[in-house]
Amino acid sequence: MKTLEEPFETLLAEEAKPGIVVVTLNRPDRYNAMTNTMFVELERLAWGLETEDSCRVVVVTGTGKAFCSGYDLADADDLPNLGALGMLDQQERAARALTAIRSLRVPVIAAVNGPAAGGGLALALAADIRLAGPAAKFNAAFVRIGLSAGDLGTSWLLTRLIGPAKTSEICFTGRVVDATEAAELGIVNSVGTGDVLADSLALAEQIVANSPGGVQLSKRALQANLEVGSYAAAIELENRGQALLTRSPDMSEALNAFKEKRTPVFQGK
């Protein structure tokens, strides 16, 4: 993939297995804290991967002991001095990065290997699936530094995952949620006992075995129907997706493979 050949200052990106791209936040000395450079690179990488038809699943994780500790507070001293429009520009830069990750047409798995705080929590929430290692911890740290939990999609995504009451408690207190509680609440899909990246790659391989078009339009339907206001609107979107997919040679291949008792070979067209 040409996109993976580009140099990055704050990220590592590689095709770990066929069709599976692992994106690693790579600032271990700062617990993979976010900077403006990281926001720009995340957005650029996401847009690049959108053009790579061989990319089927993206896994996001962190180097070292942390997943992501949020915005680097070493860069935060200047925030109060930016002015309203300057701060809006700052917010939109960060929001574009996370929106680009969430909007990838392929599934995104967050392999949460350690603490995910503030913007790190928001990044994990932006993924379609979250797997946690035993050391994973989550907290909406915004209120602890004088900011709102209405940041980078957290208030919208977390509420839809675990409901308004638990979201309010976690966001108003800024308390830490460990991996076990995160699984019980539904913040993460599961907690592994060993290597969360290996667990994520194994899950990604299960996804890659399916038809690319089917997976991508499933993601589109699931995300879009979180935002529509009626059952009828959801059905309308689903109908259009199914009509499109029956025009794909992958559906015929899947049916033939089933009849012939063999593994289908999907083209993603």
Protein backbone atom coordinates (compact mmCIF):
# COMPACT_ATOMS: atom_id res chain seq x y z
CA MET A 1 0.00 0.00 0.00
CA LYS A 2 1.49 3.32 -1.08
CA THR A 3 -0.08 5.17 1.84
CA LEU A 4 1.99 3.11 4.28
CA GLU A 5 5.21 4.19 2.57
CA GLU A 6 4.71 7.82 3.65
CA PRO A 7 6.79 9.05 6.61
CA PHE A 8 5.01 9.82 9.87
CA GLU A 9 6.39 11.54 12.92
CA THR A 10 3.85 10.40 15.53
CA LEU A 11 2.50 7.19 14.03
CA LEU A 12 3.61 3.79 12.84
CA ALA A 13 1.54 2.17 10.10
CA GLU A 14 2.03 -1.26 8.58
CA GLU A 15 0.11 -4.05 6.90
CA ALA A 16 0.46 -6.63 9.66
CA LYS A 17 -1.45 -9.31 7.75
CA PRO A 18 -3.03 -9.30 4.28
CA GLY A 19 -5.68 -6.59 4.27
CA ILE A 20 -5.11 -5.62 7.92
CA VAL A 21 -3.42 -2.29 8.64
CA VAL A 22 -2.16 -1.62 12.18
CA VAL A 23 -1.87 2.05 13.10
CA THR A 24 0.19 2.60 16.25
CA LEU A 25 0.30 5.90 18.12
CA ASN A 26 4.03 6.31 18.65
CA ARG A 27 4.89 8.80 21.38
CA PRO A 28 5.62 6.37 24.23
CA ASP A 29 7.64 8.94 26.21
CA ARG A 30 4.42 11.03 26.43
CA TYR A 31 2.04 8.05 26.81
CA ASN A 32 1.07 8.59 23.16
CA ALA A 33 -0.44 11.99 23.95
CA MET A 34 -2.05 13.81 21.06
CA THR A 35 -0.46 16.80 19.35
CA ASN A 36 -1.47 18.88 16.34
CA THR A 37 1.03 16.88 14.31
CA MET A 38 -0.70 13.65 15.34
CA PHE A 39 -4.11 15.05 14.40
CA VAL A 40 -2.84 16.04 10.95
CA GLU A 41 -1.15 12.68 10.44
CA LEU A 42 -4.20 10.68 11.55
CA GLU A 43 -6.38 12.56 9.09
CA ARG A 44 -3.85 12.20 6.27
CA LEU A 45 -3.42 8.49 6.94
CA ALA A 46 -7.17 7.87 7.06
CA TRP A 47 -7.76 9.65 3.77
CA GLY A 48 -4.90 7.71 2.22
CA LEU A 49 -6.28 4.37 3.38
CA GLU A 50 -9.63 5.27 1.82
CA THR A 51 -7.95 4.96 -1.58
CA GLU A 52 -6.40 1.56 -0.82
CA ASP A 53 -8.81 -1.15 -1.97
CA SER A 54 -6.61 -3.82 -0.41
CA CYS A 55 -7.16 -2.32 3.05
CA ARG A 56 -9.96 -4.33 4.67
CA VAL A 57 -9.62 -3.63 8.42
CA VAL A 58 -7.74 -1.00 10.45
CA VAL A 59 -6.48 -1.70 13.97
CA VAL A 60 -5.49 1.26 16.16
CA THR A 61 -3.26 0.77 19.21
CA GLY A 62 -0.51 2.48 21.19
CA THR A 63 3.22 1.97 21.72
CA GLY A 64 4.40 1.07 25.20
CA LYS A 65 2.21 1.13 28.30
CA ALA A 66 -0.55 3.48 27.12
CA PHE A 67 -3.15 3.56 24.38
CA CYS A 68 -3.43 7.37 24.42
CA SER A 69 -3.36 9.82 27.32
CA GLY A 70 -5.31 12.49 25.46
CA TYR A 71 -4.14 15.93 24.38
CA ASP A 72 -0.57 16.62 25.40
CA LEU A 73 -0.84 19.02 28.33
CA ALA A 74 2.65 20.31 27.54
CA ASP A 75 0.97 22.04 24.59
CA ALA A 76 -2.10 23.16 26.53
CA ASP A 77 -0.70 26.32 28.13
CA ASP A 78 -1.38 28.35 25.00
CA LEU A 79 -5.00 27.24 24.58
CA PRO A 80 -6.55 30.00 26.74
CA ASN A 81 -4.68 32.61 24.66
CA LEU A 82 -5.84 31.46 21.25
CA GLY A 83 -9.03 33.50 21.13
CA ALA A 84 -12.44 32.14 20.15
CA LEU A 85 -11.70 31.56 16.47
CA GLY A 86 -8.23 30.22 17.18
CA MET A 87 -9.62 27.70 19.65
CA LEU A 88 -12.37 26.73 17.22
CA ASP A 89 -9.69 26.03 14.61
CA GLN A 90 -7.82 23.90 17.16
CA GLN A 91 -10.94 21.91 18.00
CA GLU A 92 -11.84 21.38 14.37
CA ARG A 93 -8.34 20.14 13.57
CA ALA A 94 -8.68 17.47 16.26
CA ALA A 95 -12.26 16.66 15.32
CA ARG A 96 -11.35 16.17 11.66
CA ALA A 97 -8.75 13.58 12.66
CA LEU A 98 -11.14 11.49 14.74
CA THR A 99 -13.96 11.91 12.23
CA ALA A 100 -11.65 10.64 9.49
CA ILE A 101 -10.84 7.53 11.53
CA ARG A 102 -14.50 6.86 12.36
CA SER A 103 -15.54 7.49 8.75
CA LEU A 104 -13.19 4.94 7.22
CA ARG A 105 -15.27 2.68 4.98
CA VAL A 106 -13.65 -0.40 6.53
CA PRO A 107 -14.07 -1.56 10.14
CA VAL A 108 -11.82 0.01 12.75
CA ILE A 109 -10.78 -1.97 15.84
CA ALA A 110 -9.28 -0.21 18.85
CA ALA A 111 -6.76 -2.49 20.57
CA VAL A 112 -6.68 -0.68 23.91
CA ASN A 113 -3.44 -1.83 25.49
CA GLY A 114 -3.34 0.68 28.37
CA PRO A 115 -4.87 3.92 29.62
CA ALA A 116 -7.21 5.79 27.26
CA ALA A 117 -7.94 9.21 28.73
CA GLY A 118 -9.71 12.30 27.39
CA GLY A 119 -9.05 12.44 23.67
CA GLY A 120 -7.67 8.90 23.91
CA LEU A 121 -11.06 7.74 25.14
CA ALA A 122 -12.66 9.64 22.27
CA LEU A 123 -10.36 7.90 19.78
CA ALA A 124 -11.26 4.48 21.20
CA LEU A 125 -14.96 5.36 21.04
CA ALA A 126 -14.56 6.37 17.38
CA ALA A 127 -13.66 2.76 16.53
CA ASP A 128 -16.35 0.27 15.54
CA ILE A 129 -15.07 -2.38 17.95
CA ARG A 130 -12.98 -2.05 21.10
CA LEU A 131 -10.91 -4.84 22.62
CA ALA A 132 -9.13 -4.23 25.91
CA GLY A 133 -6.04 -5.68 27.48
CA PRO A 134 -5.91 -6.23 31.25
CA ALA A 135 -4.06 -2.92 31.73
CA ALA A 136 -6.64 -0.86 29.84
CA LYS A 137 -8.25 2.01 31.72
CA PHE A 138 -10.68 4.66 30.56
CA ASN A 139 -11.58 8.08 31.85
CA ALA A 140 -13.28 11.19 30.57
CA ALA A 141 -10.62 13.42 32.09
CA PHE A 142 -11.94 16.66 30.60
CA VAL A 143 -13.57 18.04 33.77
CA ARG A 144 -10.33 17.53 35.69
CA ILE A 145 -8.60 20.15 33.53
CA GLY A 146 -11.49 22.61 33.34
CA LEU A 147 -12.97 21.36 30.07
CA SER A 148 -16.22 19.70 29.00
CA ALA A 149 -16.81 16.04 28.21
CA GLY A 150 -18.56 17.38 25.13
CA ASP A 151 -15.35 16.86 23.20
CA LEU A 152 -14.41 14.95 20.04
CA GLY A 153 -17.67 12.99 19.96
CA THR A 154 -17.42 11.60 23.49
CA SER A 155 -20.81 12.87 24.67
CA TRP A 156 -22.55 11.40 21.61
CA LEU A 157 -20.76 8.07 21.31
CA LEU A 158 -20.48 7.13 24.98
CA THR A 159 -24.15 7.91 25.63
CA ARG A 160 -25.17 5.58 22.81
CA LEU A 161 -22.91 2.82 24.10
CA ILE A 162 -23.83 2.81 27.78
CA GLY A 163 -26.79 5.18 28.25
CA PRO A 164 -27.11 8.71 29.66
CA ALA A 165 -27.02 7.90 33.38
CA LYS A 166 -23.71 6.01 33.42
CA THR A 167 -22.23 8.43 30.92
CA SER A 168 -23.17 11.34 33.17
CA GLU A 169 -21.55 9.70 36.20
CA ILE A 170 -18.33 8.93 34.39
CA CYS A 171 -18.12 12.34 32.72
CA PHE A 172 -19.08 14.44 35.78
CA THR A 173 -16.63 12.67 38.13
CA GLY A 174 -13.79 12.03 35.69
CA ARG A 175 -13.24 8.74 37.49
CA VAL A 176 -11.26 5.84 36.05
CA VAL A 177 -13.09 2.85 34.59
CA ASP A 178 -10.93 -0.28 34.58
CA ALA A 179 -11.03 -2.93 31.85
CA THR A 180 -13.40 -5.27 33.71
CA GLU A 181 -15.97 -2.54 34.39
CA ALA A 182 -15.59 -1.25 30.83
CA ALA A 183 -16.60 -4.67 29.53
CA GLU A 184 -19.52 -4.90 31.96
CA LEU A 185 -20.78 -1.47 30.88
CA GLY A 186 -20.30 -2.17 27.18
CA ILE A 187 -17.53 0.34 26.53
CA VAL A 188 -15.40 -2.53 25.22
CA ASN A 189 -16.44 -5.76 23.55
CA SER A 190 -14.18 -7.93 25.65
CA VAL A 191 -11.09 -8.05 27.85
CA GLY A 192 -8.33 -10.45 26.87
CA THR A 193 -5.89 -12.12 29.20
CA GLY A 194 -2.82 -11.63 27.03
CA ASP A 195 -1.84 -9.69 23.93
CA VAL A 196 -4.70 -7.39 22.91
CA LEU A 197 -3.09 -6.67 19.55
CA ALA A 198 -2.97 -10.40 18.77
CA ASP A 199 -6.62 -10.69 19.80
CA SER A 200 -7.50 -7.77 17.54
CA LEU A 201 -5.63 -9.26 14.58
CA ALA A 202 -7.45 -12.56 15.07
CA LEU A 203 -10.78 -10.74 15.03
CA ALA A 204 -9.71 -8.73 11.99
CA GLU A 205 -8.93 -11.95 10.13
CA GLN A 206 -12.49 -13.14 10.73
CA ILE A 207 -13.75 -9.90 9.19
CA VAL A 208 -11.38 -10.13 6.21
CA ALA A 209 -12.78 -13.59 5.40
CA ASN A 210 -16.11 -11.99 4.47
CA SER A 211 -17.09 -10.04 1.36
CA PRO A 212 -15.55 -6.54 1.32
CA GLY A 213 -18.70 -4.93 -0.01
CA GLY A 214 -20.92 -6.67 2.50
CA VAL A 215 -18.76 -5.55 5.41
CA GLN A 216 -18.42 -1.98 4.16
CA LEU A 217 -22.13 -1.47 3.54
CA SER A 218 -22.90 -3.11 6.89
CA LYS A 219 -20.69 -0.50 8.56
CA ARG A 220 -22.37 2.27 6.58
CA ALA A 221 -25.83 1.08 7.61
CA LEU A 222 -24.90 0.66 11.28
CA GLN A 223 -23.37 4.13 11.51
CA ALA A 224 -25.99 5.95 9.45
CA ASN A 225 -28.88 4.34 11.29
CA LEU A 226 -27.56 5.62 14.61
CA GLU A 227 -28.50 9.05 13.33
CA VAL A 228 -31.80 8.56 11.52
CA GLY A 229 -35.04 9.32 13.31
CA SER A 230 -37.27 6.43 12.29
CA TYR A 231 -37.50 2.72 11.57
CA ALA A 232 -38.81 3.52 8.09
CA ALA A 233 -35.71 5.60 7.28
CA ALA A 234 -33.46 2.80 8.50
CA ILE A 235 -35.26 0.25 6.33
CA GLU A 236 -34.96 2.53 3.30
CA LEU A 237 -31.19 2.77 3.70
CA GLU A 238 -30.89 -1.00 4.25
CA ASN A 239 -32.93 -1.73 1.12
CA ARG A 240 -30.63 0.38 -1.02
CA GLY A 241 -27.54 -1.36 0.36
CA GLN A 242 -28.89 -4.82 -0.35
CA ALA A 243 -29.96 -3.82 -3.86
CA LEU A 244 -26.42 -2.60 -4.58
CA LEU A 245 -24.75 -5.71 -3.21
CA THR A 246 -26.81 -8.11 -5.30
CA ARG A 247 -25.21 -6.43 -8.34
CA SER A 248 -21.75 -7.41 -7.09
CA PRO A 249 -20.00 -10.53 -8.39
CA ASP A 250 -19.06 -11.32 -4.79
CA MET A 251 -22.62 -12.38 -3.98
CA SER A 252 -22.68 -14.86 -6.87
CA GLU A 253 -19.26 -16.12 -5.79
CA ALA A 254 -20.48 -16.63 -2.23
CA LEU A 255 -23.53 -18.59 -3.38
CA ASN A 256 -21.47 -20.75 -5.75
CA ALA A 257 -18.89 -21.43 -3.06
CA PHE A 258 -21.65 -22.49 -0.67
CA LYS A 259 -23.07 -24.93 -3.23
CA GLU A 260 -19.60 -26.26 -4.07
CA LYS A 261 -18.58 -26.51 -0.40
CA ARG A 262 -15.47 -24.37 -0.82
CA THR A 263 -14.11 -21.09 0.53
CA PRO A 264 -15.27 -18.10 -1.53
CA VAL A 265 -12.74 -15.89 -3.27
CA PHE A 266 -14.00 -12.34 -3.03
CA GLN A 267 -12.95 -9.58 -5.42
CA GLY A 268 -14.37 -6.60 -3.54
CA LYS A 269 -16.07 -5.21 -6.67
